Amino acid sequence: MIHVQYFARYREALGLDGEQVAWDGAFARVDDLRGHLLQRGGVWALLAEQNLMCARNQELCGLDEPLQDGDEVAFFPTVTGG
């Protein structure tokens, strides 16, 4: 099982702060999980943003980060400020 968390405007747009996604051996990387979520269509296209940030087990990572069953993955938009 992968615990997925959504933050900021992703959480607002998706109407979820998190969910459990059944482990699939095809989830070799964070990007594979993201691709699975994108297949839901509609508002999920938000996760296709180029500037999407992610973390695995509470550590910032890239989309090429390897995944294992039991990991926690968080998706959040970049934060800008002035």
PDB file of N, CA and C in Angstrom:
ATOM      1  N   MET A   1       0.853  -1.174   0.000  1.00  0.00           N
ATOM      2  CA  MET A   1       0.000   0.000   0.000  1.00  0.00           C
ATOM      3  C   MET A   1       0.898   1.235   0.000  1.00  0.00           C
ATOM      4  N   ILE A   2       0.538   2.214  -0.792  1.00  0.00           N
ATOM      5  CA  ILE A   2       1.223   3.506  -0.820  1.00  0.00           C
ATOM      6  C   ILE A   2       0.275   4.538  -0.215  1.00  0.00           C
ATOM      7  N   HIS A   3       0.759   5.285   0.753  1.00  0.00           N
ATOM      8  CA  HIS A   3      -0.033   6.375   1.330  1.00  0.00           C
ATOM      9  C   HIS A   3       0.321   7.636   0.555  1.00  0.00           C
ATOM     10  N   VAL A   4      -0.665   8.224  -0.099  1.00  0.00           N
ATOM     11  CA  VAL A   4      -0.442   9.414  -0.924  1.00  0.00           C
ATOM     12  C   VAL A   4      -1.091  10.609  -0.244  1.00  0.00           C
ATOM     13  N   GLN A   5      -0.347  11.700  -0.160  1.00  0.00           N
ATOM     14  CA  GLN A   5      -0.871  12.932   0.432  1.00  0.00           C
ATOM     15  C   GLN A   5      -0.833  14.050  -0.610  1.00  0.00           C
ATOM     16  N   TYR A   6      -1.836  14.912  -0.552  1.00  0.00           N
ATOM     17  CA  TYR A   6      -1.933  16.056  -1.453  1.00  0.00           C
ATOM     18  C   TYR A   6      -1.971  17.318  -0.599  1.00  0.00           C
ATOM     19  N   PHE A   7      -1.222  18.330  -1.018  1.00  0.00           N
ATOM     20  CA  PHE A   7      -1.134  19.552  -0.241  1.00  0.00           C
ATOM     21  C   PHE A   7      -1.514  20.777  -1.063  1.00  0.00           C
ATOM     22  N   ALA A   8      -1.865  21.843  -0.332  1.00  0.00           N
ATOM     23  CA  ALA A   8      -2.159  23.163  -0.894  1.00  0.00           C
ATOM     24  C   ALA A   8      -3.278  23.077  -1.927  1.00  0.00           C
ATOM     25  N   ARG A   9      -3.080  23.698  -3.069  1.00  0.00           N
ATOM     26  CA  ARG A   9      -4.165  23.746  -4.056  1.00  0.00           C
ATOM     27  C   ARG A   9      -4.467  22.389  -4.672  1.00  0.00           C
ATOM     28  N   TYR A  10      -3.531  21.440  -4.616  1.00  0.00           N
ATOM     29  CA  TYR A  10      -3.835  20.078  -5.089  1.00  0.00           C
ATOM     30  C   TYR A  10      -4.912  19.465  -4.189  1.00  0.00           C
ATOM     31  N   ARG A  11      -4.740  19.618  -2.901  1.00  0.00           N
ATOM     32  CA  ARG A  11      -5.734  19.098  -1.952  1.00  0.00           C
ATOM     33  C   ARG A  11      -7.095  19.742  -2.195  1.00  0.00           C
ATOM     34  N   GLU A  12      -7.088  21.046  -2.409  1.00  0.00           N
ATOM     35  CA  GLU A  12      -8.347  21.751  -2.645  1.00  0.00           C
ATOM     36  C   GLU A  12      -9.015  21.299  -3.938  1.00  0.00           C
ATOM     37  N   ALA A  13      -8.259  21.197  -5.017  1.00  0.00           N
ATOM     38  CA  ALA A  13      -8.820  20.834  -6.315  1.00  0.00           C
ATOM     39  C   ALA A  13      -9.302  19.384  -6.345  1.00  0.00           C
ATOM     40  N   LEU A  14      -8.561  18.491  -5.704  1.00  0.00           N
ATOM     41  CA  LEU A  14      -8.911  17.075  -5.725  1.00  0.00           C
ATOM     42  C   LEU A  14      -9.956  16.714  -4.676  1.00  0.00           C
ATOM     43  N   GLY A  15     -10.111  17.573  -3.675  1.00  0.00           N
ATOM     44  CA  GLY A  15     -11.061  17.288  -2.605  1.00  0.00           C
ATOM     45  C   GLY A  15     -10.585  16.171  -1.682  1.00  0.00           C
ATOM     46  N   LEU A  16      -9.278  15.934  -1.669  1.00  0.00           N
ATOM     47  CA  LEU A  16      -8.684  14.890  -0.829  1.00  0.00           C
ATOM     48  C   LEU A  16      -7.424  15.422  -0.170  1.00  0.00           C
ATOM     49  N   ASP A  17      -7.203  15.050   1.069  1.00  0.00           N
ATOM     50  CA  ASP A  17      -5.912  15.370   1.648  1.00  0.00           C
ATOM     51  C   ASP A  17      -4.978  14.168   1.565  1.00  0.00           C
ATOM     52  N   GLY A  18      -5.539  12.999   1.344  1.00  0.00           N
ATOM     53  CA  GLY A  18      -4.722  11.812   1.184  1.00  0.00           C
ATOM     54  C   GLY A  18      -5.572  10.600   0.844  1.00  0.00           C
ATOM     55  N   GLU A  19      -4.888   9.541   0.463  1.00  0.00           N
ATOM     56  CA  GLU A  19      -5.569   8.288   0.149  1.00  0.00           C
ATOM     57  C   GLU A  19      -4.557   7.152   0.176  1.00  0.00           C
ATOM     58  N   GLN A  20      -5.066   5.955   0.226  1.00  0.00           N
ATOM     59  CA  GLN A  20      -4.254   4.756   0.134  1.00  0.00           C
ATOM     60  C   GLN A  20      -4.399   4.201  -1.280  1.00  0.00           C
ATOM     61  N   VAL A  21      -3.284   3.921  -1.922  1.00  0.00           N
ATOM     62  CA  VAL A  21      -3.286   3.336  -3.262  1.00  0.00           C
ATOM     63  C   VAL A  21      -2.662   1.953  -3.145  1.00  0.00           C
ATOM     64  N   ALA A  22      -3.380   0.949  -3.626  1.00  0.00           N
ATOM     65  CA  ALA A  22      -2.869  -0.420  -3.545  1.00  0.00           C
ATOM     66  C   ALA A  22      -1.539  -0.531  -4.280  1.00  0.00           C
ATOM     67  N   TRP A  23      -0.594  -1.211  -3.644  1.00  0.00           N
ATOM     68  CA  TRP A  23       0.726  -1.394  -4.239  1.00  0.00           C
ATOM     69  C   TRP A  23       0.604  -2.155  -5.544  1.00  0.00           C
ATOM     70  N   ASP A  24       1.339  -1.693  -6.531  1.00  0.00           N
ATOM     71  CA  ASP A  24       1.422  -2.336  -7.839  1.00  0.00           C
ATOM     72  C   ASP A  24       2.908  -2.414  -8.167  1.00  0.00           C
ATOM     73  N   GLY A  25       3.388  -3.574  -8.512  1.00  0.00           N
ATOM     74  CA  GLY A  25       4.794  -3.746  -8.833  1.00  0.00           C
ATOM     75  C   GLY A  25       5.263  -2.858  -9.964  1.00  0.00           C
ATOM     76  N   ALA A  26       4.322  -2.309 -10.740  1.00  0.00           N
ATOM     77  CA  ALA A  26       4.673  -1.399 -11.832  1.00  0.00           C
ATOM     78  C   ALA A  26       5.056  -0.015 -11.312  1.00  0.00           C
ATOM     79  N   PHE A  27       4.864   0.238 -10.009  1.00  0.00           N
ATOM     80  CA  PHE A  27       5.232   1.532  -9.427  1.00  0.00           C
ATOM     81  C   PHE A  27       6.711   1.510  -9.041  1.00  0.00           C
ATOM     82  N   ALA A  28       7.581   1.496 -10.024  1.00  0.00           N
ATOM     83  CA  ALA A  28       9.014   1.465  -9.738  1.00  0.00           C
ATOM     84  C   ALA A  28       9.517   2.819  -9.255  1.00  0.00           C
ATOM     85  N   ARG A  29       8.863   3.903  -9.709  1.00  0.00           N
ATOM     86  CA  ARG A  29       9.291   5.265  -9.377  1.00  0.00           C
ATOM     87  C   ARG A  29       8.079   6.100  -9.005  1.00  0.00           C
ATOM     88  N   VAL A  30       8.321   7.239  -8.391  1.00  0.00           N
ATOM     89  CA  VAL A  30       7.233   8.154  -8.040  1.00  0.00           C
ATOM     90  C   VAL A  30       6.456   8.539  -9.299  1.00  0.00           C
ATOM     91  N   ASP A  31       7.149   8.707 -10.411  1.00  0.00           N
ATOM     92  CA  ASP A  31       6.467   9.092 -11.646  1.00  0.00           C
ATOM     93  C   ASP A  31       5.507   8.016 -12.139  1.00  0.00           C
ATOM     94  N   ASP A  32       5.773   6.763 -11.858  1.00  0.00           N
ATOM     95  CA  ASP A  32       4.848   5.685 -12.234  1.00  0.00           C
ATOM     96  C   ASP A  32       3.549   5.805 -11.439  1.00  0.00           C
ATOM     97  N   LEU A  33       3.671   6.133 -10.167  1.00  0.00           N
ATOM     98  CA  LEU A  33       2.485   6.362  -9.340  1.00  0.00           C
ATOM     99  C   LEU A  33       1.716   7.562  -9.871  1.00  0.00           C
ATOM    100  N   ARG A  34       2.434   8.634 -10.172  1.00  0.00           N
ATOM    101  CA  ARG A  34       1.782   9.829 -10.715  1.00  0.00           C
ATOM    102  C   ARG A  34       1.044   9.494 -12.006  1.00  0.00           C
ATOM    103  N   GLY A  35       1.659   8.715 -12.885  1.00  0.00           N
ATOM    104  CA  GLY A  35       1.006   8.303 -14.128  1.00  0.00           C
ATOM    105  C   GLY A  35      -0.276   7.534 -13.866  1.00  0.00           C
ATOM    106  N   HIS A  36      -0.260   6.688 -12.855  1.00  0.00           N
ATOM    107  CA  HIS A  36      -1.456   5.929 -12.464  1.00  0.00           C
ATOM    108  C   HIS A  36      -2.580   6.883 -12.050  1.00  0.00           C
ATOM    109  N   LEU A  37      -2.227   7.896 -11.263  1.00  0.00           N
ATOM    110  CA  LEU A  37      -3.221   8.869 -10.810  1.00  0.00           C
ATOM    111  C   LEU A  37      -3.732   9.715 -11.979  1.00  0.00           C
ATOM    112  N   LEU A  38      -2.861  10.063 -12.907  1.00  0.00           N
ATOM    113  CA  LEU A  38      -3.260  10.859 -14.079  1.00  0.00           C
ATOM    114  C   LEU A  38      -4.277  10.125 -14.950  1.00  0.00           C
ATOM    115  N   GLN A  39      -4.222   8.807 -14.950  1.00  0.00           N
ATOM    116  CA  GLN A  39      -5.166   8.015 -15.754  1.00  0.00           C
ATOM    117  C   GLN A  39      -6.603   8.178 -15.278  1.00  0.00           C
ATOM    118  N   ARG A  40      -6.802   8.722 -14.110  1.00  0.00           N
ATOM    119  CA  ARG A  40      -8.161   8.971 -13.609  1.00  0.00           C
ATOM    120  C   ARG A  40      -8.857  10.055 -14.426  1.00  0.00           C
ATOM    121  N   GLY A  41      -8.078  10.893 -15.100  1.00  0.00           N
ATOM    122  CA  GLY A  41      -8.627  11.948 -15.958  1.00  0.00           C
ATOM    123  C   GLY A  41      -9.188  13.119 -15.165  1.00  0.00           C
ATOM    124  N   GLY A  42      -9.808  14.031 -15.890  1.00  0.00           N
ATOM    125  CA  GLY A  42     -10.433  15.193 -15.273  1.00  0.00           C
ATOM    126  C   GLY A  42      -9.461  16.040 -14.477  1.00  0.00           C
ATOM    127  N   VAL A  43      -9.851  16.398 -13.274  1.00  0.00           N
ATOM    128  CA  VAL A  43      -9.070  17.285 -12.416  1.00  0.00           C
ATOM    129  C   VAL A  43      -7.695  16.692 -12.072  1.00  0.00           C
ATOM    130  N   TRP A  44      -7.541  15.393 -12.207  1.00  0.00           N
ATOM    131  CA  TRP A  44      -6.269  14.742 -11.896  1.00  0.00           C
ATOM    132  C   TRP A  44      -5.152  15.209 -12.823  1.00  0.00           C
ATOM    133  N   ALA A  45      -5.497  15.826 -13.948  1.00  0.00           N
ATOM    134  CA  ALA A  45      -4.489  16.366 -14.865  1.00  0.00           C
ATOM    135  C   ALA A  45      -3.632  17.420 -14.172  1.00  0.00           C
ATOM    136  N   LEU A  46      -4.101  17.936 -13.070  1.00  0.00           N
ATOM    137  CA  LEU A  46      -3.346  18.905 -12.272  1.00  0.00           C
ATOM    138  C   LEU A  46      -1.970  18.343 -11.878  1.00  0.00           C
ATOM    139  N   LEU A  47      -1.896  17.046 -11.685  1.00  0.00           N
ATOM    140  CA  LEU A  47      -0.634  16.427 -11.279  1.00  0.00           C
ATOM    141  C   LEU A  47       0.363  16.301 -12.430  1.00  0.00           C
ATOM    142  N   ALA A  48      -0.024  16.724 -13.620  1.00  0.00           N
ATOM    143  CA  ALA A  48       0.893  16.690 -14.766  1.00  0.00           C
ATOM    144  C   ALA A  48       1.714  17.967 -14.871  1.00  0.00           C
ATOM    145  N   GLU A  49       1.500  18.909 -13.964  1.00  0.00           N
ATOM    146  CA  GLU A  49       2.236  20.168 -14.004  1.00  0.00           C
ATOM    147  C   GLU A  49       3.742  19.933 -13.971  1.00  0.00           C
ATOM    148  N   GLN A  50       4.456  20.727 -14.750  1.00  0.00           N
ATOM    149  CA  GLN A  50       5.912  20.611 -14.820  1.00  0.00           C
ATOM    150  C   GLN A  50       6.580  20.965 -13.494  1.00  0.00           C
ATOM    151  N   ASN A  51       5.986  21.890 -12.744  1.00  0.00           N
ATOM    152  CA  ASN A  51       6.624  22.362 -11.506  1.00  0.00           C
ATOM    153  C   ASN A  51       6.137  21.625 -10.263  1.00  0.00           C
ATOM    154  N   LEU A  52       5.492  20.490 -10.437  1.00  0.00           N
ATOM    155  CA  LEU A  52       5.018  19.688  -9.321  1.00  0.00           C
ATOM    156  C   LEU A  52       6.205  19.274  -8.444  1.00  0.00           C
ATOM    157  N   MET A  53       6.010  19.339  -7.146  1.00  0.00           N
ATOM    158  CA  MET A  53       7.042  18.881  -6.220  1.00  0.00           C
ATOM    159  C   MET A  53       6.538  17.625  -5.528  1.00  0.00           C
ATOM    160  N   CYS A  54       7.472  16.806  -5.088  1.00  0.00           N
ATOM    161  CA  CYS A  54       7.067  15.574  -4.425  1.00  0.00           C
ATOM    162  C   CYS A  54       8.063  15.211  -3.329  1.00  0.00           C
ATOM    163  N   ALA A  55       7.586  14.363  -2.450  1.00  0.00           N
ATOM    164  CA  ALA A  55       8.416  13.850  -1.372  1.00  0.00           C
ATOM    165  C   ALA A  55       8.093  12.379  -1.188  1.00  0.00           C
ATOM    166  N   ARG A  56       9.119  11.630  -0.826  1.00  0.00           N
ATOM    167  CA  ARG A  56       8.945  10.210  -0.492  1.00  0.00           C
ATOM    168  C   ARG A  56       9.400  10.040   0.949  1.00  0.00           C
ATOM    169  N   ASN A  57       8.508   9.520   1.767  1.00  0.00           N
ATOM    170  CA  ASN A  57       8.800   9.304   3.189  1.00  0.00           C
ATOM    171  C   ASN A  57       9.336  10.581   3.850  1.00  0.00           C
ATOM    172  N   GLN A  58       8.656  11.692   3.529  1.00  0.00           N
ATOM    173  CA  GLN A  58       8.898  13.004   4.116  1.00  0.00           C
ATOM    174  C   GLN A  58      10.253  13.601   3.762  1.00  0.00           C
ATOM    175  N   GLU A  59      10.824  13.173   2.626  1.00  0.00           N
ATOM    176  CA  GLU A  59      12.065  13.753   2.107  1.00  0.00           C
ATOM    177  C   GLU A  59      11.819  14.195   0.680  1.00  0.00           C
ATOM    178  N   LEU A  60      12.129  15.454   0.372  1.00  0.00           N
ATOM    179  CA  LEU A  60      11.958  15.929  -0.994  1.00  0.00           C
ATOM    180  C   LEU A  60      12.688  15.007  -1.962  1.00  0.00           C
ATOM    181  N   CYS A  61      12.078  14.790  -3.110  1.00  0.00           N
ATOM    182  CA  CYS A  61      12.691  13.904  -4.094  1.00  0.00           C
ATOM    183  C   CYS A  61      12.240  14.318  -5.493  1.00  0.00           C
ATOM    184  N   GLY A  62      12.812  13.682  -6.474  1.00  0.00           N
ATOM    185  CA  GLY A  62      12.400  13.876  -7.855  1.00  0.00           C
ATOM    186  C   GLY A  62      11.435  12.783  -8.265  1.00  0.00           C
ATOM    187  N   LEU A  63      10.853  12.951  -9.436  1.00  0.00           N
ATOM    188  CA  LEU A  63       9.904  11.959  -9.936  1.00  0.00           C
ATOM    189  C   LEU A  63      10.564  10.622 -10.246  1.00  0.00           C
ATOM    190  N   ASP A  64      11.880  10.606 -10.364  1.00  0.00           N
ATOM    191  CA  ASP A  64      12.595   9.370 -10.655  1.00  0.00           C
ATOM    192  C   ASP A  64      12.958   8.583  -9.387  1.00  0.00           C
ATOM    193  N   GLU A  65      12.498   9.058  -8.225  1.00  0.00           N
ATOM    194  CA  GLU A  65      12.778   8.387  -6.951  1.00  0.00           C
ATOM    195  C   GLU A  65      12.130   6.997  -6.932  1.00  0.00           C
ATOM    196  N   PRO A  66      12.890   5.963  -6.558  1.00  0.00           N
ATOM    197  CA  PRO A  66      12.323   4.609  -6.482  1.00  0.00           C
ATOM    198  C   PRO A  66      11.246   4.514  -5.401  1.00  0.00           C
ATOM    199  N   LEU A  67      10.278   3.651  -5.624  1.00  0.00           N
ATOM    200  CA  LEU A  67       9.195   3.418  -4.664  1.00  0.00           C
ATOM    201  C   LEU A  67       9.245   1.992  -4.150  1.00  0.00           C
ATOM    202  N   GLN A  68       8.751   1.828  -2.931  1.00  0.00           N
ATOM    203  CA  GLN A  68       8.577   0.510  -2.344  1.00  0.00           C
ATOM    204  C   GLN A  68       7.212   0.445  -1.685  1.00  0.00           C
ATOM    205  N   ASP A  69       6.703  -0.747  -1.574  1.00  0.00           N
ATOM    206  CA  ASP A  69       5.446  -0.954  -0.864  1.00  0.00           C
ATOM    207  C   ASP A  69       5.587  -0.385   0.546  1.00  0.00           C
ATOM    208  N   GLY A  70       4.580   0.366   0.992  1.00  0.00           N
ATOM    209  CA  GLY A  70       4.589   0.961   2.320  1.00  0.00           C
ATOM    210  C   GLY A  70       5.091   2.392   2.365  1.00  0.00           C
ATOM    211  N   ASP A  71       5.592   2.898   1.239  1.00  0.00           N
ATOM    212  CA  ASP A  71       6.084   4.282   1.203  1.00  0.00           C
ATOM    213  C   ASP A  71       4.944   5.283   1.338  1.00  0.00           C
ATOM    214  N   GLU A  72       5.322   6.487   1.757  1.00  0.00           N
ATOM    215  CA  GLU A  72       4.416   7.631   1.761  1.00  0.00           C
ATOM    216  C   GLU A  72       4.915   8.588   0.683  1.00  0.00           C
ATOM    217  N   VAL A  73       4.011   9.040  -0.162  1.00  0.00           N
ATOM    218  CA  VAL A  73       4.358   9.979  -1.231  1.00  0.00           C
ATOM    219  C   VAL A  73       3.471  11.207  -1.087  1.00  0.00           C
ATOM    220  N   ALA A  74       4.080  12.378  -1.163  1.00  0.00           N
ATOM    221  CA  ALA A  74       3.330  13.627  -1.087  1.00  0.00           C
ATOM    222  C   ALA A  74       3.547  14.415  -2.378  1.00  0.00           C
ATOM    223  N   PHE A  75       2.467  15.008  -2.862  1.00  0.00           N
ATOM    224  CA  PHE A  75       2.525  15.879  -4.026  1.00  0.00           C
ATOM    225  C   PHE A  75       2.085  17.273  -3.609  1.00  0.00           C
ATOM    226  N   PHE A  76       2.833  18.284  -4.040  1.00  0.00           N
ATOM    227  CA  PHE A  76       2.472  19.656  -3.714  1.00  0.00           C
ATOM    228  C   PHE A  76       3.041  20.592  -4.779  1.00  0.00           C
ATOM    229  N   PRO A  77       2.364  21.726  -4.988  1.00  0.00           N
ATOM    230  CA  PRO A  77       2.861  22.697  -5.958  1.00  0.00           C
ATOM    231  C   PRO A  77       4.040  23.467  -5.381  1.00  0.00           C
ATOM    232  N   THR A  78       4.839  24.023  -6.264  1.00  0.00           N
ATOM    233  CA  THR A  78       5.941  24.861  -5.787  1.00  0.00           C
ATOM    234  C   THR A  78       5.368  26.067  -5.063  1.00  0.00           C
ATOM    235  N   VAL A  79       6.101  26.558  -4.137  1.00  0.00           N
ATOM    236  CA  VAL A  79       5.669  27.717  -3.342  1.00  0.00           C
ATOM    237  C   VAL A  79       6.482  28.904  -3.813  1.00  0.00           C
ATOM    238  N   THR A  80       5.781  29.949  -4.164  1.00  0.00           N
ATOM    239  CA  THR A  80       6.484  31.174  -4.566  1.00  0.00           C
ATOM    240  C   THR A  80       6.058  32.286  -3.630  1.00  0.00           C
ATOM    241  N   GLY A  81       6.901  33.211  -3.493  1.00  0.00           N
ATOM    242  CA  GLY A  81       6.566  34.335  -2.608  1.00  0.00           C
ATOM    243  C   GLY A  81       7.387  35.546  -2.981  1.00  0.00           C
ATOM    244  N   GLY A  82       7.091  36.632  -2.364  1.00  0.00           N
ATOM    245  CA  GLY A  82       7.826  37.838  -2.679  1.00  0.00           C
ATOM    246  C   GLY A  82       8.182  38.619  -1.466  1.00  0.00           C
TER     247      GLY A  82
END
